[in-house]
Structures are given as C-alpha cells and as structure tokens.
N, C-alpha and C. Protein backbone atom coordinates (compact mmCIF):
# COMPACT_ATOMS: atom_id res chain seq x y z
N UNK A 1 -73.56 -33.80 71.95
CA UNK A 1 -73.21 -35.12 71.20
C UNK A 1 -72.89 -35.77 72.26
N UNK A 2 -72.36 -35.20 73.44
CA UNK A 2 -71.75 -36.59 74.69
C UNK A 2 -73.00 -36.79 75.47
N UNK A 3 -74.04 -35.95 75.26
CA UNK A 3 -75.54 -36.41 76.25
C UNK A 3 -75.81 -37.59 75.50
N UNK A 4 -75.79 -37.69 73.84
CA UNK A 4 -76.70 -38.40 73.36
C UNK A 4 -75.60 -39.48 73.48
N UNK A 5 -74.50 -39.32 73.35
CA UNK A 5 -73.62 -40.49 73.63
C UNK A 5 -73.98 -41.52 74.35
N UNK A 6 -73.93 -40.53 75.55
CA UNK A 6 -74.04 -41.09 77.41
C UNK A 6 -75.32 -41.51 77.48
N UNK A 7 -76.39 -41.16 76.69
CA UNK A 7 -77.81 -41.99 77.21
C UNK A 7 -78.28 -43.09 76.59
N UNK A 8 -77.43 -43.00 75.31
CA UNK A 8 -77.50 -44.01 74.37
C UNK A 8 -76.87 -45.83 75.14
N UNK A 9 -75.72 -45.21 75.42
CA UNK A 9 -75.26 -46.65 76.55
C UNK A 9 -75.30 -46.83 77.52
N UNK A 10 -76.26 -45.52 78.48
CA UNK A 10 -77.22 -46.11 79.51
C UNK A 10 -78.15 -46.98 79.29
N UNK A 11 -78.82 -46.57 77.96
CA UNK A 11 -80.09 -47.46 77.46
C UNK A 11 -79.83 -48.70 77.09
N UNK A 12 -78.89 -49.00 76.51
CA UNK A 12 -78.36 -50.20 75.76
C UNK A 12 -78.01 -51.15 76.90
N UNK A 13 -77.25 -50.27 77.76
CA UNK A 13 -76.55 -51.07 79.23
C UNK A 13 -77.76 -51.90 79.96
N UNK A 14 -78.60 -50.98 80.08
CA UNK A 14 -80.19 -51.74 80.88
C UNK A 14 -80.50 -52.60 80.08
N UNK A 15 -80.74 -52.72 78.65
CA UNK A 15 -81.18 -54.06 77.86
C UNK A 15 -80.39 -55.09 77.89
N UNK A 16 -79.16 -55.29 78.39
CA UNK A 16 -78.49 -56.02 78.38
C UNK A 16 -78.36 -57.30 79.59
N UNK A 17 -78.61 -58.34 79.24
CA UNK A 17 -78.88 -59.04 80.44
C UNK A 17 -77.66 -59.34 81.56
N UNK A 18 -77.90 -59.21 82.74
CA UNK A 18 -76.42 -59.25 83.34
C UNK A 18 -75.70 -60.65 83.13
N UNK A 19 -74.45 -60.71 83.08
CA UNK A 19 -73.79 -61.98 82.60
C UNK A 19 -72.91 -62.50 83.80
N UNK A 20 -72.77 -61.89 84.93
CA UNK A 20 -72.51 -62.03 86.20
C UNK A 20 -73.43 -62.92 87.10
N UNK A 21 -73.94 -63.97 86.51
CA UNK A 21 -74.76 -64.54 87.50
C UNK A 21 -74.21 -65.57 88.45
N UNK A 22 -74.26 -65.75 89.52
CA UNK A 22 -73.92 -66.50 90.21
C UNK A 22 -75.11 -67.08 91.21
N UNK A 23 -75.13 -68.59 91.31
CA UNK A 23 -75.99 -69.32 92.01
C UNK A 23 -76.14 -68.83 93.56
N UNK A 24 -77.52 -68.70 94.02
CA UNK A 24 -77.83 -68.83 95.30
C UNK A 24 -77.19 -69.26 96.72
N UNK A 25 -76.51 -70.49 96.32
CA UNK A 25 -76.05 -70.79 97.33
C UNK A 25 -74.74 -71.04 96.72
N UNK A 26 -73.72 -70.87 97.78
CA UNK A 26 -72.19 -70.93 97.45
C UNK A 26 -71.76 -72.58 97.58
N UNK A 27 -72.58 -73.45 98.14
CA UNK A 27 -72.44 -75.02 98.22
C UNK A 27 -72.99 -75.42 96.66
N UNK A 28 -71.94 -76.01 95.82
CA UNK A 28 -72.07 -76.46 94.69
C UNK A 28 -72.97 -78.00 94.90
N UNK A 29 -72.53 -78.27 96.09
CA UNK A 29 -73.36 -79.69 95.75
C UNK A 29 -74.70 -79.79 96.75
N UNK A 30 -75.41 -78.46 96.64
CA UNK A 30 -77.03 -78.57 97.09
C UNK A 30 -77.68 -79.08 96.02
N UNK A 31 -78.55 -79.62 96.10
CA UNK A 31 -79.74 -80.39 95.36
C UNK A 31 -80.90 -79.19 95.21
N UNK A 32 -81.48 -79.59 94.12
CA UNK A 32 -82.72 -78.55 93.97
C UNK A 32 -83.91 -79.23 95.10
N UNK A 33 -84.77 -78.40 95.60
CA UNK A 33 -85.85 -78.58 96.37
C UNK A 33 -86.90 -79.03 95.66
N UNK A 34 -86.85 -78.85 93.66
CA UNK A 34 -87.89 -79.51 93.21
C UNK A 34 -87.52 -80.85 92.93
N UNK A 35 -88.80 -81.57 92.77
CA UNK A 35 -88.46 -82.97 92.41
C UNK A 35 -89.46 -83.04 90.99
N UNK A 36 -89.01 -84.08 90.27
CA UNK A 36 -89.02 -84.24 88.95
C UNK A 36 -90.58 -84.79 88.94
N UNK A 37 -91.54 -84.49 88.16
CA UNK A 37 -92.70 -84.60 87.81
C UNK A 37 -92.71 -86.07 87.13
N UNK A 38 -94.06 -86.43 88.05
CA UNK A 38 -94.23 -88.02 87.46
C UNK A 38 -95.18 -87.91 86.04
N UNK A 39 -95.27 -88.91 85.65
CA UNK A 39 -96.19 -88.96 84.38
C UNK A 39 -97.70 -89.63 84.90
N UNK A 40 -98.44 -88.88 84.97
CA UNK A 40 -100.14 -89.49 85.19
C UNK A 40 -100.85 -90.38 84.26
N UNK A 41 -101.46 -91.06 84.44
CA UNK A 41 -102.67 -91.53 83.77
C UNK A 41 -103.46 -90.42 83.40
N UNK A 42 -103.78 -90.33 81.63
CA UNK A 42 -105.13 -89.67 81.41
C UNK A 42 -106.63 -89.81 82.29
N UNK A 43 -106.50 -91.34 82.00
CA UNK A 43 -107.98 -92.17 82.06
C UNK A 43 -108.04 -91.94 83.84
N UNK A 44 -106.66 -91.85 84.87
CA UNK A 44 -107.08 -92.15 86.12
C UNK A 44 -106.11 -90.99 86.60
N UNK A 45 -106.05 -89.72 86.78
CA UNK A 45 -105.41 -88.87 86.92
C UNK A 45 -104.58 -89.00 88.29
N UNK A 46 -105.13 -89.86 89.29
CA UNK A 46 -104.01 -89.59 90.31
C UNK A 46 -103.30 -91.41 90.39
N UNK A 47 -103.29 -91.54 89.26
CA UNK A 47 -102.25 -92.93 89.16
C UNK A 47 -101.11 -92.79 88.47
N UNK A 48 -99.66 -92.56 88.69
CA UNK A 48 -98.53 -92.59 88.24
C UNK A 48 -98.22 -93.62 87.13
N UNK A 49 -98.03 -93.08 86.06
CA UNK A 49 -97.85 -94.32 84.86
C UNK A 49 -96.69 -95.21 85.18
N UNK A 50 -97.42 -96.63 85.09
CA UNK A 50 -95.92 -97.51 85.40
C UNK A 50 -96.53 -98.28 86.57
N UNK A 51 -97.51 -97.34 87.45
CA UNK A 51 -98.19 -98.35 88.41
C UNK A 51 -99.29 -99.32 88.31
N UNK A 52 -99.71 -100.31 89.14
CA UNK A 52 -100.90 -101.06 88.79
C UNK A 52 -101.93 -100.22 88.70
N UNK A 53 -102.75 -100.15 87.40
CA UNK A 53 -104.28 -99.53 87.80
C UNK A 53 -105.37 -100.51 88.01
N UNK A 54 -105.75 -100.37 89.47
CA UNK A 54 -106.68 -101.18 89.83
C UNK A 54 -107.85 -100.64 89.78
N UNK A 55 -108.91 -101.54 90.55
CA UNK A 55 -110.44 -100.93 91.05
C UNK A 55 -110.66 -100.02 91.35
N UNK A 56 -110.05 -99.93 91.89
CA UNK A 56 -110.27 -98.75 93.29
C UNK A 56 -109.56 -97.34 92.73
N UNK A 57 -109.10 -97.59 91.69
CA UNK A 57 -108.29 -96.02 91.07
C UNK A 57 -109.83 -95.29 90.33
N UNK A 58 -109.55 -93.96 90.37
CA UNK A 58 -110.85 -93.07 90.01
C UNK A 58 -110.42 -93.25 88.59
N UNK A 59 -111.25 -93.58 87.77
CA UNK A 59 -111.15 -93.64 86.27
C UNK A 59 -112.24 -92.53 86.09
N UNK A 60 -111.82 -91.87 85.00
CA UNK A 60 -112.73 -91.05 84.34
C UNK A 60 -113.55 -91.53 83.56
N UNK A 61 -114.82 -90.41 83.96
CA UNK A 61 -116.38 -91.08 83.44
C UNK A 61 -116.37 -91.15 82.13
N UNK A 62 -117.42 -91.47 81.61
CA UNK A 62 -117.29 -91.68 80.02
C UNK A 62 -117.52 -90.48 79.34
N UNK A 63 -117.06 -90.28 78.30
CA UNK A 63 -116.99 -89.24 77.49
C UNK A 63 -118.51 -88.11 77.33
N UNK A 64 -118.27 -87.01 77.64
CA UNK A 64 -119.70 -86.67 77.71
C UNK A 64 -119.99 -85.98 76.08
N UNK A 65 -121.24 -85.97 75.71
CA UNK A 65 -121.43 -86.06 74.23
C UNK A 65 -120.33 -84.63 73.72
N UNK A 66 -120.06 -83.63 74.25
CA UNK A 66 -119.04 -82.84 73.52
C UNK A 66 -117.36 -83.31 74.24
N UNK A 67 -116.42 -83.41 72.89
CA UNK A 67 -115.11 -83.82 73.35
C UNK A 67 -114.44 -82.51 73.92
N UNK A 68 -113.46 -82.90 74.83
CA UNK A 68 -112.74 -81.62 75.52
C UNK A 68 -111.68 -80.43 74.38
N UNK A 69 -112.07 -79.74 74.96
CA UNK A 69 -111.35 -78.15 73.84
C UNK A 69 -109.89 -78.84 73.54
N UNK A 70 -109.35 -79.07 74.96
CA UNK A 70 -107.63 -79.33 74.31
C UNK A 70 -107.63 -80.75 74.85
N UNK A 71 -106.80 -81.59 74.05
CA UNK A 71 -106.21 -82.62 74.47
C UNK A 71 -104.50 -82.89 74.12
N UNK A 72 -104.07 -83.64 75.83
CA UNK A 72 -102.69 -83.28 75.23
C UNK A 72 -102.50 -83.78 73.82
N UNK A 73 -101.18 -83.42 73.28
CA UNK A 73 -100.51 -83.83 72.12
C UNK A 73 -100.51 -85.49 71.99
N UNK A 74 -100.01 -85.76 72.67
CA UNK A 74 -99.37 -87.64 72.92
C UNK A 74 -99.95 -87.97 74.51
N UNK A 75 -101.44 -87.87 74.51
CA UNK A 75 -101.86 -88.58 75.88
C UNK A 75 -101.63 -89.92 76.42
N UNK A 76 -101.23 -90.06 77.50
CA UNK A 76 -100.92 -91.37 78.31
C UNK A 76 -102.13 -92.24 78.83
N UNK A 77 -102.19 -93.23 78.08
CA UNK A 77 -103.51 -93.99 78.63
C UNK A 77 -102.86 -95.24 79.42
N UNK A 78 -103.27 -95.23 80.36
CA UNK A 78 -102.81 -96.64 81.33
C UNK A 78 -104.05 -98.01 81.11
N UNK A 79 -103.74 -99.20 81.03
CA UNK A 79 -104.54 -100.00 80.84
C UNK A 79 -105.05 -100.75 82.09
N UNK A 80 -106.49 -101.21 82.47
CA UNK A 80 -106.59 -101.50 83.48
C UNK A 80 -106.21 -102.72 83.93
N UNK A 81 -105.97 -102.99 85.22
CA UNK A 81 -105.57 -104.23 85.54
C UNK A 81 -104.14 -104.72 85.86
N UNK A 82 -103.07 -103.70 85.15
CA UNK A 82 -101.78 -104.15 84.86
C UNK A 82 -100.80 -102.59 85.37
N UNK A 83 -99.58 -103.01 85.18
CA UNK A 83 -98.92 -101.68 85.09
C UNK A 83 -98.11 -101.11 83.25
N UNK A 84 -99.03 -101.34 82.78
CA UNK A 84 -98.85 -101.06 81.25
C UNK A 84 -99.67 -99.71 80.91
N UNK A 85 -99.10 -98.97 80.13
CA UNK A 85 -99.60 -97.92 79.16
C UNK A 85 -99.11 -97.60 78.26
N UNK A 86 -99.65 -96.81 77.32
CA UNK A 86 -98.96 -96.61 76.14
C UNK A 86 -99.16 -94.72 76.18
N UNK A 87 -98.58 -94.25 75.29
CA UNK A 87 -98.61 -92.59 74.66
C UNK A 87 -99.32 -92.92 73.19
N UNK A 88 -100.13 -92.12 72.98
CA UNK A 88 -100.48 -92.20 71.57
C UNK A 88 -100.46 -90.93 70.98
N UNK A 89 -100.14 -91.08 69.84
CA UNK A 89 -99.94 -89.88 68.37
C UNK A 89 -100.96 -90.00 67.64
N UNK A 90 -101.92 -89.33 67.93
CA UNK A 90 -103.26 -88.97 66.84
C UNK A 90 -102.79 -88.58 65.42
N UNK A 91 -103.42 -89.69 64.72
CA UNK A 91 -103.11 -89.21 63.54
C UNK A 91 -104.29 -88.42 62.50
N UNK A 92 -105.55 -89.19 62.60
CA UNK A 92 -106.85 -88.31 61.92
C UNK A 92 -107.69 -89.64 62.22
N UNK A 93 -109.14 -89.24 62.13
CA UNK A 93 -110.12 -90.00 62.18
C UNK A 93 -110.41 -90.46 61.03
N UNK A 94 -110.78 -92.00 61.68
CA UNK A 94 -111.39 -92.87 60.57
C UNK A 94 -113.07 -93.48 60.87
N UNK A 95 -113.71 -92.84 59.82
CA UNK A 95 -115.19 -93.08 60.49
C UNK A 95 -115.31 -94.74 60.27
N UNK A 96 -116.38 -95.17 60.72
CA UNK A 96 -117.28 -96.30 60.44
C UNK A 96 -116.32 -97.29 61.82
N UNK A 97 -117.12 -98.56 61.76
CA UNK A 97 -116.62 -99.58 62.60
C UNK A 97 -115.05 -100.45 62.40
N UNK A 98 -114.57 -100.27 61.50
CA UNK A 98 -113.42 -101.25 60.93
C UNK A 98 -112.32 -100.90 62.08
N UNK A 99 -112.00 -99.92 62.70
CA UNK A 99 -110.99 -99.80 63.68
C UNK A 99 -111.18 -100.47 64.54
N UNK A 100 -112.11 -100.49 65.48
CA UNK A 100 -112.68 -100.91 66.59
C UNK A 100 -112.76 -102.67 66.27
N UNK A 101 -113.13 -102.77 65.46
CA UNK A 101 -113.54 -104.45 64.84
C UNK A 101 -112.06 -104.97 64.26
N UNK A 102 -111.08 -104.33 63.96
CA UNK A 102 -109.77 -104.79 64.21
C UNK A 102 -108.75 -105.14 65.21
N UNK A 103 -109.21 -103.68 66.33
CA UNK A 103 -108.70 -103.79 67.56
C UNK A 103 -109.37 -105.11 68.61
N UNK A 104 -110.48 -105.00 68.18
CA UNK A 104 -111.52 -106.32 69.00
C UNK A 104 -110.70 -107.35 68.35
N UNK A 105 -110.85 -107.79 67.40
CA UNK A 105 -110.18 -109.26 66.76
C UNK A 105 -108.99 -109.26 66.93
N UNK A 106 -108.31 -108.33 67.15
CA UNK A 106 -106.77 -108.55 67.66
C UNK A 106 -106.91 -109.11 69.07
N UNK A 107 -107.29 -107.87 69.94
CA UNK A 107 -107.02 -108.53 71.51
C UNK A 107 -107.58 -109.67 71.53
N UNK A 108 -108.92 -110.06 71.01
CA UNK A 108 -109.50 -111.58 71.57
C UNK A 108 -108.62 -112.75 70.95
N UNK A 109 -107.93 -112.64 69.72
CA UNK A 109 -106.76 -113.52 69.69
C UNK A 109 -105.70 -113.91 70.12
N UNK A 110 -105.21 -112.61 71.06
CA UNK A 110 -103.81 -112.53 71.35
C UNK A 110 -104.63 -113.35 72.80
N UNK A 111 -105.60 -112.63 73.76
CA UNK A 111 -106.30 -113.35 74.59
C UNK A 111 -106.48 -115.05 74.31
N UNK A 112 -107.20 -115.48 73.40
CA UNK A 112 -107.01 -116.81 73.13
C UNK A 112 -105.54 -117.49 73.19
N UNK A 113 -104.78 -117.06 72.42
CA UNK A 113 -103.40 -117.63 72.53
C UNK A 113 -102.94 -117.61 73.70
N UNK A 114 -103.26 -116.64 74.59
CA UNK A 114 -102.73 -116.81 75.80
C UNK A 114 -103.37 -117.59 76.64
N UNK A 115 -104.35 -118.03 76.69
CA UNK A 115 -105.18 -118.71 77.26
C UNK A 115 -104.88 -120.26 76.96
N UNK A 116 -104.52 -120.60 75.63
CA UNK A 116 -104.10 -121.89 75.16
C UNK A 116 -102.73 -122.27 75.37
N UNK A 117 -101.41 -121.03 74.97
CA UNK A 117 -100.28 -121.32 75.25
C UNK A 117 -99.53 -120.43 76.54
N UNK A 118 -100.00 -119.65 77.04
CA UNK A 118 -99.49 -119.13 78.19
C UNK A 118 -99.02 -117.67 77.70
N UNK A 119 -98.50 -117.04 78.63
CA UNK A 119 -97.80 -115.53 78.37
C UNK A 119 -96.64 -115.71 77.93
N UNK A 120 -95.77 -115.08 77.01
CA UNK A 120 -94.47 -115.67 76.53
C UNK A 120 -94.13 -114.32 75.65
N UNK A 121 -93.15 -114.54 75.49
CA UNK A 121 -92.46 -113.12 74.37
C UNK A 121 -92.92 -113.19 72.92
N UNK A 122 -93.36 -112.51 72.32
CA UNK A 122 -93.40 -112.47 71.10
C UNK A 122 -92.94 -113.16 69.82
N UNK A 123 -92.81 -113.78 69.24
CA UNK A 123 -91.97 -114.55 68.23
C UNK A 123 -91.42 -113.23 67.59
N UNK A 124 -90.26 -113.22 67.30
CA UNK A 124 -89.24 -112.25 66.52
C UNK A 124 -89.91 -110.70 66.88
N UNK A 125 -90.51 -110.39 68.01
CA UNK A 125 -91.09 -109.52 68.63
C UNK A 125 -91.40 -108.63 67.52
N UNK A 126 -92.29 -109.03 66.89
CA UNK A 126 -93.12 -108.38 65.59
C UNK A 126 -94.25 -108.88 65.14
N UNK A 127 -95.27 -108.14 65.04
CA UNK A 127 -96.70 -108.67 64.68
C UNK A 127 -97.41 -107.60 63.62
N UNK A 128 -97.61 -108.37 62.28
CA UNK A 128 -98.50 -107.54 61.29
C UNK A 128 -99.71 -107.96 61.08
N UNK A 129 -100.93 -107.03 61.03
CA UNK A 129 -102.22 -107.76 60.91
C UNK A 129 -102.97 -107.07 60.24
N UNK A 130 -103.50 -107.30 58.74
CA UNK A 130 -104.33 -106.60 57.82
C UNK A 130 -105.51 -107.21 57.48
N UNK A 131 -106.41 -106.47 57.90
CA UNK A 131 -107.91 -107.07 57.85
C UNK A 131 -108.90 -105.42 58.27
N UNK A 132 -110.04 -105.79 57.48
CA UNK A 132 -111.11 -104.93 57.67
C UNK A 132 -110.38 -103.49 56.61
N UNK A 133 -109.54 -103.72 56.01
CA UNK A 133 -109.06 -102.59 55.03
C UNK A 133 -108.18 -101.88 56.15
N UNK A 134 -107.57 -102.36 56.94
CA UNK A 134 -106.45 -101.72 58.27
C UNK A 134 -105.30 -102.61 57.82
N UNK A 135 -104.15 -102.06 58.69
CA UNK A 135 -103.09 -102.93 59.17
C UNK A 135 -102.80 -102.30 60.40
N UNK A 136 -102.26 -103.04 61.20
CA UNK A 136 -101.93 -103.04 62.52
C UNK A 136 -100.44 -103.57 62.38
N UNK A 137 -99.81 -102.95 62.80
CA UNK A 137 -98.15 -103.26 63.04
C UNK A 137 -97.41 -102.98 64.56
N UNK A 138 -97.06 -104.05 65.60
CA UNK A 138 -96.53 -103.54 66.48
C UNK A 138 -94.96 -104.47 66.58
N UNK A 139 -93.78 -103.58 67.19
CA UNK A 139 -92.73 -104.34 67.05
C UNK A 139 -91.72 -104.10 68.52
N UNK A 140 -91.09 -104.45 68.69
CA UNK A 140 -90.29 -104.69 70.26
C UNK A 140 -89.60 -103.13 70.12
N UNK A 141 -89.42 -102.47 71.05
CA UNK A 141 -88.69 -101.03 70.87
C UNK A 141 -87.56 -101.26 72.25
N UNK A 142 -86.69 -99.83 71.66
CA UNK A 142 -85.80 -99.65 73.29
C UNK A 142 -84.97 -100.84 73.59
N UNK A 143 -84.73 -101.78 73.01
CA UNK A 143 -83.77 -103.21 73.31
C UNK A 143 -85.04 -103.63 74.41
N UNK A 144 -85.87 -103.89 74.27
CA UNK A 144 -86.76 -104.25 75.32
C UNK A 144 -87.36 -105.69 74.48
N UNK A 145 -88.45 -106.47 74.88
CA UNK A 145 -89.01 -107.39 74.31
C UNK A 145 -90.33 -107.26 74.83
N UNK A 146 -91.73 -107.62 74.08
CA UNK A 146 -93.18 -107.58 74.45
C UNK A 146 -93.37 -109.14 74.87
N UNK A 147 -94.25 -109.19 75.89
CA UNK A 147 -94.55 -110.24 75.92
C UNK A 147 -96.14 -109.96 75.35
N UNK A 148 -97.08 -111.48 75.31
CA UNK A 148 -98.35 -111.59 74.58
C UNK A 148 -99.22 -110.58 75.61
N UNK A 149 -98.84 -110.86 76.72
CA UNK A 149 -99.88 -109.99 77.97
C UNK A 149 -99.65 -108.44 77.90
N UNK A 150 -98.47 -108.10 77.64
CA UNK A 150 -98.30 -106.58 77.80
C UNK A 150 -98.90 -106.23 76.30
N UNK A 151 -98.67 -106.98 74.91
CA UNK A 151 -99.12 -106.00 73.98
C UNK A 151 -100.71 -105.99 73.72
N UNK A 152 -101.41 -107.13 74.66
CA UNK A 152 -102.44 -107.47 74.51
C UNK A 152 -103.10 -105.96 75.48
N UNK A 153 -102.24 -105.95 76.43
CA UNK A 153 -103.06 -104.86 77.58
C UNK A 153 -102.30 -103.11 76.94
N UNK A 154 -101.63 -103.57 75.83
CA UNK A 154 -101.58 -101.92 75.50
C UNK A 154 -102.76 -101.69 74.21
N UNK A 155 -102.98 -102.97 73.17
CA UNK A 155 -104.00 -102.41 72.49
C UNK A 155 -105.48 -102.42 73.37
N UNK A 156 -105.75 -103.11 74.37
CA UNK A 156 -106.85 -102.79 75.31
C UNK A 156 -106.99 -101.30 75.75
N UNK A 157 -105.42 -100.40 76.01
CA UNK A 157 -105.45 -99.29 76.75
C UNK A 157 -105.80 -98.63 75.25
N UNK A 158 -105.51 -98.86 73.94
CA UNK A 158 -105.80 -97.97 72.97
C UNK A 158 -107.30 -98.05 72.31
N UNK A 159 -107.80 -99.34 72.64
CA UNK A 159 -109.59 -99.14 72.50
C UNK A 159 -109.99 -98.25 73.49
N UNK A 160 -109.45 -98.58 74.65
CA UNK A 160 -110.62 -97.76 75.39
C UNK A 160 -110.11 -96.28 75.52
N UNK A 161 -109.23 -95.41 75.04
CA UNK A 161 -108.95 -94.18 74.77
C UNK A 161 -109.86 -93.99 73.55
N UNK A 162 -109.68 -94.69 72.65
CA UNK A 162 -110.83 -94.20 71.10
C UNK A 162 -112.08 -94.33 71.64
N UNK A 163 -112.30 -95.16 72.75
CA UNK A 163 -113.80 -95.08 73.05
C UNK A 163 -114.33 -94.13 74.32
N UNK A 164 -113.39 -93.65 74.95
CA UNK A 164 -113.52 -92.45 76.21
C UNK A 164 -112.82 -91.33 76.14
N UNK A 165 -111.99 -91.15 75.10
CA UNK A 165 -111.32 -89.77 75.19
C UNK A 165 -111.74 -88.47 74.23
N UNK A 166 -113.17 -89.04 73.54
CA UNK A 166 -113.95 -88.20 73.10
C UNK A 166 -113.38 -88.12 71.21
N UNK A 167 -112.27 -88.61 70.81
CA UNK A 167 -111.70 -88.51 69.75
C UNK A 167 -112.27 -89.97 68.52
N UNK A 168 -112.61 -90.78 69.45
CA UNK A 168 -113.00 -91.69 68.52
C UNK A 168 -112.37 -92.74 67.81
N UNK A 169 -112.45 -93.41 66.59
CA UNK A 169 -111.47 -94.49 66.15
C UNK A 169 -110.78 -93.77 65.09
N UNK A 170 -109.61 -93.97 65.09
CA UNK A 170 -108.77 -93.37 64.18
C UNK A 170 -107.38 -93.93 63.62
N UNK A 171 -106.44 -93.35 62.74
CA UNK A 171 -105.13 -93.86 62.45
C UNK A 171 -104.61 -93.24 63.86
N UNK A 172 -103.42 -94.36 64.47
CA UNK A 172 -102.60 -93.73 65.57
C UNK A 172 -101.24 -94.69 65.59
N UNK A 173 -100.44 -93.67 66.29
CA UNK A 173 -99.08 -94.25 66.59
C UNK A 173 -98.82 -94.32 67.84
N UNK A 174 -98.60 -95.52 68.47
CA UNK A 174 -98.12 -95.44 69.85
C UNK A 174 -96.90 -96.23 70.39
N UNK A 175 -96.61 -95.73 71.39
CA UNK A 175 -95.71 -96.50 72.28
C UNK A 175 -96.09 -97.08 73.54
N UNK A 176 -95.44 -98.19 73.68
CA UNK A 176 -96.20 -99.19 74.68
C UNK A 176 -95.52 -99.34 76.05
N UNK A 177 -95.53 -99.16 76.83
CA UNK A 177 -94.63 -98.98 78.36
C UNK A 177 -95.16 -100.15 79.13
N UNK A 178 -93.99 -100.75 79.64
CA UNK A 178 -94.36 -101.72 80.56
C UNK A 178 -93.66 -101.80 82.23
N UNK A 179 -94.38 -101.08 83.22
CA UNK A 179 -93.60 -100.30 84.28
C UNK A 179 -93.19 -98.79 83.40
N UNK A 180 -91.77 -98.81 83.77
CA UNK A 180 -91.10 -97.21 82.75
C UNK A 180 -90.31 -97.68 81.89
N UNK A 181 -90.38 -98.83 81.41
CA UNK A 181 -89.83 -99.44 80.01
C UNK A 181 -90.51 -99.36 79.15
N UNK A 182 -90.30 -98.78 77.57
CA UNK A 182 -90.79 -98.37 76.83
C UNK A 182 -90.37 -99.76 75.93
N UNK A 183 -91.59 -100.60 76.13
CA UNK A 183 -91.23 -102.29 75.02
C UNK A 183 -91.68 -102.29 73.78
N UNK A 184 -92.30 -101.50 73.18
CA UNK A 184 -92.84 -101.69 72.11
C UNK A 184 -93.30 -100.34 71.13
N UNK A 185 -93.54 -100.22 70.14
CA UNK A 185 -94.32 -99.46 69.53
C UNK A 185 -94.93 -99.69 68.46
N UNK A 186 -96.17 -99.09 67.74
CA UNK A 186 -97.33 -99.85 67.26
C UNK A 186 -97.54 -98.46 66.03
N UNK A 187 -98.36 -99.02 64.87
CA UNK A 187 -99.32 -98.22 64.42
C UNK A 187 -100.47 -98.77 63.85
N UNK A 188 -101.35 -98.08 63.45
CA UNK A 188 -102.74 -98.25 62.59
C UNK A 188 -102.57 -97.60 61.97
N UNK A 189 -103.53 -98.05 60.54
CA UNK A 189 -103.74 -96.96 59.51
C UNK A 189 -104.13 -97.78 58.25
N UNK A 190 -105.31 -97.28 57.61
CA UNK A 190 -105.91 -97.83 56.48
C UNK A 190 -104.68 -98.62 55.31
N UNK A 191 -104.99 -99.75 54.92
CA UNK A 191 -104.01 -100.34 53.89
C UNK A 191 -104.15 -99.50 52.64
N UNK A 192 -103.28 -99.46 52.17
CA UNK A 192 -102.65 -98.48 50.58
C UNK A 192 -103.48 -99.25 49.27
N UNK A 193 -104.20 -98.46 48.78
CA UNK A 193 -104.81 -99.14 47.57
C UNK A 193 -104.15 -99.97 46.89
C-alpha cells in the first residue's frame, strides 16, 4: 500500500508545473531583446503600415485566377500615395457591380469636393450614403477626426482590396488609420428592404 501511495505521489509531482520560476537575469531592469512586431501592408509586404506607400514600393501582383487558401482574418491594406491604411473585417460576398459602383461614386464625389473646396475635416465627422441598394457609413473614431483626403484614401484602399485580394465585392466593416492613429470606422452593407 505504501509503495502505491509513494508511486502516486511521484507521478502527480512530475505532472505539476514548477511554481518556483525565477527570471534568467537577476537584474529586473533588463529589457527584452525582442522588439515588438510592426504591422505590414498586405498589399506591400515590405512596407510598415502608417508609412507612405510610394511608387517604388513592391505591390503584390494582380490576383491569380484562384484566391489564396488562407487570408488574414482582418487584412491590413495600405492606400497608395499616403500613410493611410485600413483593416478590413469581411462580412460576405455581394454579387454584381453595385458595391464597386457605390465605392467609385463616393470616391469620385469626395475627390471632386476636395478639388473644389480643399481638404478639410469632414463636418460632424460622419457620412451616410445610400445608393445602388447599398448603404455606406463612415464616422470618426478614437477621439480623432477624419479629413476628406484620409476618408477618400481609405475608400481607395478598400476598393483596391476588393479588386486584388481574391474576395471580390462584399459587405464589410473597416477601420481607417492615418499613420498610427485610428481616425474612423465604416461599414458597407445592403439596405434593409
């Protein structure tokens, strides 16, 4: 009986994680030798998100006929010619041209507004557009404000993602970053019937 009890104690003792862990260095002010990872653009893998994406940056080639097997759950897509990028949460695909028509229409209208009135803060920090049977909304976030230029760069990045990622057009939610600051959020979905 004592042998069985002793054997049980030895087996249990070996399965318990040691609780007397000590740091490798006795100096508590020593910092880690690992540096934090940066977020990189899915469409330009050598570019850190929030840095300008210029013409010399390596952009991914157009999407092959077969989409990739695995895409990040929230891809980070950088806007060409700016420090703006978006993180995209995919909802579902929407067949037809309505999504791209709406995004092109909004992108062109904002571009025309900037050409007429200049780039400035979006009034009330909010836009809501319903057209082509869809609804697009964007609003300021994180106690920051969007300018028309940043909003337009975010929409351009979203359009490029839909064209080049292999997913095509769809219902999405996204976050807009200007440099390292999240300045807005948006969503695009079908209008309720």
